[in-house]
């Protein structure tokens, strides 16, 4: 098991409940794929470096976890389906 982190951006046009549901969706997707020690840090609303889907601001969330790298295809497939997630990036922590 290696340490990873995922930074994802949700739309700021979502309600607070929908934002929390989006965060819970990502956490549940990670744990369903076998990730452990899932910890989420909410950064909140920030200006995007460039427009994404004609949006200027995003709701940033950082989640750290431990997982086996072979499950990322399954995780990314589920994240791509969710329309509330504008962008995400998974990186390995050393």
N, C-alpha and C. Protein backbone atom coordinates (compact mmCIF):
# COMPACT_ATOMS: atom_id res chain seq x y z
N UNK A 1 0.85 -1.18 0.00
CA UNK A 1 0.00 0.00 0.00
C UNK A 1 0.90 1.25 0.00
N UNK A 2 0.56 2.17 -0.88
CA UNK A 2 1.31 3.41 -0.98
C UNK A 2 0.42 4.58 -0.63
N UNK A 3 1.05 5.69 -0.30
CA UNK A 3 0.32 6.91 0.04
C UNK A 3 0.03 7.70 -1.22
N UNK A 4 -1.22 8.13 -1.36
CA UNK A 4 -1.66 8.93 -2.50
C UNK A 4 -2.49 10.10 -1.98
N UNK A 5 -2.66 11.07 -2.84
CA UNK A 5 -3.62 12.14 -2.55
C UNK A 5 -4.37 12.48 -3.83
N UNK A 6 -5.60 12.86 -3.64
CA UNK A 6 -6.43 13.29 -4.77
C UNK A 6 -6.93 14.70 -4.47
N UNK A 7 -6.68 15.59 -5.41
CA UNK A 7 -7.23 16.94 -5.34
C UNK A 7 -8.34 16.99 -6.37
N UNK A 8 -9.53 17.35 -5.93
CA UNK A 8 -10.63 17.48 -6.88
C UNK A 8 -11.37 18.78 -6.66
N UNK A 9 -11.99 19.25 -7.73
CA UNK A 9 -12.68 20.53 -7.73
C UNK A 9 -14.15 20.28 -8.05
N UNK A 10 -15.02 20.77 -7.18
CA UNK A 10 -16.46 20.69 -7.40
C UNK A 10 -16.96 22.05 -7.87
N UNK A 11 -18.10 22.05 -8.50
CA UNK A 11 -18.71 23.29 -8.96
C UNK A 11 -19.16 24.12 -7.75
N UNK A 12 -18.95 25.43 -7.81
CA UNK A 12 -19.40 26.30 -6.72
C UNK A 12 -20.89 26.58 -6.80
N UNK A 13 -21.53 26.19 -7.89
CA UNK A 13 -22.96 26.41 -8.04
C UNK A 13 -23.78 25.36 -7.29
N UNK A 14 -23.13 24.37 -6.72
CA UNK A 14 -23.82 23.34 -5.95
C UNK A 14 -24.19 23.89 -4.57
N UNK A 15 -25.24 23.35 -3.99
CA UNK A 15 -25.60 23.72 -2.62
C UNK A 15 -24.62 23.05 -1.66
N UNK A 16 -24.64 23.47 -0.40
CA UNK A 16 -23.74 22.88 0.59
C UNK A 16 -23.97 21.38 0.74
N UNK A 17 -25.23 20.97 0.68
CA UNK A 17 -25.55 19.55 0.80
C UNK A 17 -24.99 18.77 -0.39
N UNK A 18 -25.10 19.35 -1.59
CA UNK A 18 -24.58 18.69 -2.79
C UNK A 18 -23.06 18.62 -2.76
N UNK A 19 -22.41 19.65 -2.22
CA UNK A 19 -20.94 19.62 -2.09
C UNK A 19 -20.52 18.52 -1.13
N UNK A 20 -21.22 18.41 0.01
CA UNK A 20 -20.91 17.36 0.97
C UNK A 20 -21.18 15.97 0.37
N UNK A 21 -22.22 15.86 -0.44
CA UNK A 21 -22.51 14.60 -1.11
C UNK A 21 -21.41 14.26 -2.11
N UNK A 22 -20.86 15.26 -2.79
CA UNK A 22 -19.75 15.03 -3.72
C UNK A 22 -18.49 14.56 -3.00
N UNK A 23 -18.21 15.16 -1.85
CA UNK A 23 -17.06 14.74 -1.05
C UNK A 23 -17.27 13.30 -0.55
N UNK A 24 -18.47 13.00 -0.08
CA UNK A 24 -18.79 11.66 0.40
C UNK A 24 -18.71 10.64 -0.74
N UNK A 25 -19.11 11.04 -1.96
CA UNK A 25 -19.03 10.15 -3.11
C UNK A 25 -17.58 9.75 -3.37
N UNK A 26 -16.67 10.72 -3.34
CA UNK A 26 -15.25 10.43 -3.59
C UNK A 26 -14.71 9.53 -2.48
N UNK A 27 -15.02 9.84 -1.22
CA UNK A 27 -14.54 9.01 -0.11
C UNK A 27 -15.07 7.59 -0.23
N UNK A 28 -16.35 7.44 -0.54
CA UNK A 28 -16.94 6.11 -0.68
C UNK A 28 -16.36 5.34 -1.85
N UNK A 29 -16.07 6.04 -2.95
CA UNK A 29 -15.45 5.41 -4.11
C UNK A 29 -14.07 4.88 -3.76
N UNK A 30 -13.31 5.67 -3.00
CA UNK A 30 -11.97 5.25 -2.61
C UNK A 30 -12.02 4.05 -1.67
N UNK A 31 -12.89 4.09 -0.67
CA UNK A 31 -12.96 2.97 0.27
C UNK A 31 -13.50 1.71 -0.39
N UNK A 32 -14.41 1.86 -1.36
CA UNK A 32 -14.93 0.70 -2.09
C UNK A 32 -13.83 0.04 -2.92
N UNK A 33 -12.84 0.83 -3.35
CA UNK A 33 -11.73 0.29 -4.14
C UNK A 33 -10.60 -0.23 -3.25
N UNK A 34 -10.81 -0.22 -1.93
CA UNK A 34 -9.81 -0.79 -1.03
C UNK A 34 -8.88 0.22 -0.40
N UNK A 35 -9.15 1.50 -0.54
CA UNK A 35 -8.29 2.52 0.07
C UNK A 35 -8.51 2.55 1.58
N UNK A 36 -7.44 2.84 2.31
CA UNK A 36 -7.52 2.94 3.76
C UNK A 36 -6.99 4.30 4.19
N UNK A 37 -7.24 4.64 5.44
CA UNK A 37 -6.78 5.90 6.04
C UNK A 37 -7.18 7.11 5.18
N UNK A 38 -8.43 7.17 4.80
CA UNK A 38 -8.95 8.26 3.97
C UNK A 38 -9.17 9.48 4.86
N UNK A 39 -8.47 10.57 4.56
CA UNK A 39 -8.59 11.82 5.31
C UNK A 39 -8.86 12.96 4.33
N UNK A 40 -9.87 13.75 4.61
CA UNK A 40 -10.29 14.81 3.70
C UNK A 40 -10.06 16.17 4.33
N UNK A 41 -9.52 17.08 3.52
CA UNK A 41 -9.30 18.46 3.94
C UNK A 41 -9.99 19.37 2.92
N UNK A 42 -10.95 20.15 3.37
CA UNK A 42 -11.70 21.03 2.47
C UNK A 42 -11.02 22.39 2.42
N UNK A 43 -10.65 22.81 1.22
CA UNK A 43 -9.99 24.10 1.03
C UNK A 43 -11.00 25.20 0.73
N UNK A 44 -12.17 24.85 0.26
CA UNK A 44 -13.23 25.83 0.01
C UNK A 44 -13.19 26.44 -1.38
N UNK A 45 -13.91 27.56 -1.53
CA UNK A 45 -14.03 28.23 -2.82
C UNK A 45 -12.75 28.99 -3.15
N UNK A 46 -12.26 28.81 -4.36
CA UNK A 46 -11.08 29.51 -4.85
C UNK A 46 -11.24 29.80 -6.34
N UNK A 47 -10.50 30.79 -6.79
CA UNK A 47 -10.52 31.14 -8.21
C UNK A 47 -9.68 30.11 -8.97
N UNK A 48 -10.21 29.66 -10.10
CA UNK A 48 -9.49 28.71 -10.95
C UNK A 48 -8.40 29.42 -11.74
N UNK A 49 -7.34 28.71 -12.06
CA UNK A 49 -6.26 29.29 -12.87
C UNK A 49 -6.73 29.57 -14.30
N UNK A 50 -7.67 28.76 -14.77
CA UNK A 50 -8.26 28.94 -16.10
C UNK A 50 -9.69 28.42 -16.04
N UNK A 51 -10.56 28.91 -16.89
CA UNK A 51 -11.97 28.47 -16.84
C UNK A 51 -12.10 26.97 -17.16
N UNK A 52 -12.94 26.31 -16.40
CA UNK A 52 -13.27 24.90 -16.64
C UNK A 52 -14.78 24.84 -16.82
N UNK A 53 -15.21 24.38 -17.97
CA UNK A 53 -16.64 24.31 -18.32
C UNK A 53 -17.31 25.67 -18.09
N UNK A 54 -16.63 26.73 -18.50
CA UNK A 54 -17.10 28.12 -18.42
C UNK A 54 -17.32 28.59 -16.98
N UNK A 55 -16.62 27.97 -16.04
CA UNK A 55 -16.71 28.38 -14.63
C UNK A 55 -15.39 29.00 -14.21
N UNK A 56 -15.46 30.08 -13.43
CA UNK A 56 -14.27 30.81 -13.00
C UNK A 56 -13.79 30.41 -11.60
N UNK A 57 -14.70 29.85 -10.78
CA UNK A 57 -14.37 29.47 -9.40
C UNK A 57 -14.68 27.99 -9.19
N UNK A 58 -14.01 27.41 -8.19
CA UNK A 58 -14.25 26.01 -7.86
C UNK A 58 -14.15 25.78 -6.37
N UNK A 59 -14.70 24.68 -5.92
CA UNK A 59 -14.69 24.25 -4.52
C UNK A 59 -13.63 23.15 -4.40
N UNK A 60 -12.49 23.50 -3.81
CA UNK A 60 -11.34 22.60 -3.77
C UNK A 60 -11.40 21.67 -2.56
N UNK A 61 -11.07 20.40 -2.79
CA UNK A 61 -11.03 19.40 -1.73
C UNK A 61 -9.78 18.53 -1.94
N UNK A 62 -9.03 18.30 -0.85
CA UNK A 62 -7.85 17.44 -0.88
C UNK A 62 -8.11 16.23 0.01
N UNK A 63 -7.91 15.03 -0.54
CA UNK A 63 -8.10 13.79 0.21
C UNK A 63 -6.84 12.95 0.12
N UNK A 64 -6.32 12.53 1.26
CA UNK A 64 -5.16 11.65 1.29
C UNK A 64 -5.63 10.25 1.66
N UNK A 65 -4.94 9.23 1.12
CA UNK A 65 -5.34 7.85 1.37
C UNK A 65 -4.20 6.91 1.04
N UNK A 66 -4.34 5.66 1.47
CA UNK A 66 -3.41 4.60 1.11
C UNK A 66 -4.16 3.61 0.25
N UNK A 67 -3.52 3.18 -0.83
CA UNK A 67 -4.21 2.24 -1.72
C UNK A 67 -3.20 1.48 -2.56
N UNK A 68 -3.70 0.43 -3.18
CA UNK A 68 -2.95 -0.33 -4.16
C UNK A 68 -3.16 0.36 -5.51
N UNK A 69 -2.11 0.66 -6.22
CA UNK A 69 -2.20 1.43 -7.45
C UNK A 69 -2.94 0.75 -8.58
N UNK A 70 -3.24 -0.53 -8.45
CA UNK A 70 -3.91 -1.25 -9.54
C UNK A 70 -5.40 -0.93 -9.63
N UNK A 71 -5.98 -0.27 -8.64
CA UNK A 71 -7.42 0.01 -8.61
C UNK A 71 -7.78 1.38 -9.19
N UNK A 72 -6.80 2.14 -9.68
CA UNK A 72 -7.08 3.51 -10.13
C UNK A 72 -7.97 3.58 -11.36
N UNK A 73 -7.93 2.58 -12.21
CA UNK A 73 -8.80 2.58 -13.38
C UNK A 73 -10.26 2.56 -12.95
N UNK A 74 -10.57 1.73 -11.96
CA UNK A 74 -11.93 1.64 -11.43
C UNK A 74 -12.34 2.96 -10.77
N UNK A 75 -11.44 3.56 -10.00
CA UNK A 75 -11.73 4.83 -9.31
C UNK A 75 -11.97 5.93 -10.33
N UNK A 76 -11.08 6.06 -11.31
CA UNK A 76 -11.19 7.13 -12.31
C UNK A 76 -12.45 6.98 -13.16
N UNK A 77 -12.86 5.77 -13.44
CA UNK A 77 -14.09 5.55 -14.20
C UNK A 77 -15.29 6.12 -13.46
N UNK A 78 -15.36 5.89 -12.16
CA UNK A 78 -16.48 6.39 -11.37
C UNK A 78 -16.42 7.91 -11.21
N UNK A 79 -15.20 8.46 -11.07
CA UNK A 79 -15.07 9.91 -10.93
C UNK A 79 -15.43 10.65 -12.22
N UNK A 80 -15.13 10.05 -13.35
CA UNK A 80 -15.45 10.67 -14.64
C UNK A 80 -16.95 10.74 -14.89
N UNK A 81 -17.70 9.84 -14.31
CA UNK A 81 -19.15 9.81 -14.50
C UNK A 81 -19.85 10.91 -13.71
N UNK A 82 -19.30 11.27 -12.55
CA UNK A 82 -19.92 12.25 -11.67
C UNK A 82 -19.81 13.65 -12.27
N UNK A 83 -20.94 14.29 -12.56
CA UNK A 83 -20.94 15.59 -13.22
C UNK A 83 -20.61 16.75 -12.30
N UNK A 84 -20.68 16.56 -10.99
CA UNK A 84 -20.37 17.65 -10.07
C UNK A 84 -18.87 17.86 -9.92
N UNK A 85 -18.06 16.87 -10.31
CA UNK A 85 -16.60 16.99 -10.24
C UNK A 85 -16.11 17.62 -11.55
N UNK A 86 -15.55 18.83 -11.44
CA UNK A 86 -15.05 19.52 -12.62
C UNK A 86 -13.71 18.94 -13.07
N UNK A 87 -12.82 18.67 -12.11
CA UNK A 87 -11.47 18.22 -12.42
C UNK A 87 -10.94 17.48 -11.21
N UNK A 88 -10.05 16.51 -11.45
CA UNK A 88 -9.38 15.83 -10.35
C UNK A 88 -8.00 15.39 -10.79
N UNK A 89 -7.13 15.17 -9.80
CA UNK A 89 -5.79 14.67 -10.08
C UNK A 89 -5.35 13.80 -8.91
N UNK A 90 -4.87 12.60 -9.22
CA UNK A 90 -4.35 11.69 -8.21
C UNK A 90 -2.84 11.65 -8.34
N UNK A 91 -2.13 11.87 -7.23
CA UNK A 91 -0.67 11.84 -7.25
C UNK A 91 -0.18 10.95 -6.11
N UNK A 92 1.01 10.40 -6.29
CA UNK A 92 1.62 9.55 -5.26
C UNK A 92 2.47 10.40 -4.35
N UNK A 93 2.32 10.23 -3.04
CA UNK A 93 3.16 10.92 -2.06
C UNK A 93 4.35 10.04 -1.76
N UNK A 94 5.51 10.65 -1.67
CA UNK A 94 6.72 9.88 -1.31
C UNK A 94 6.99 9.94 0.16
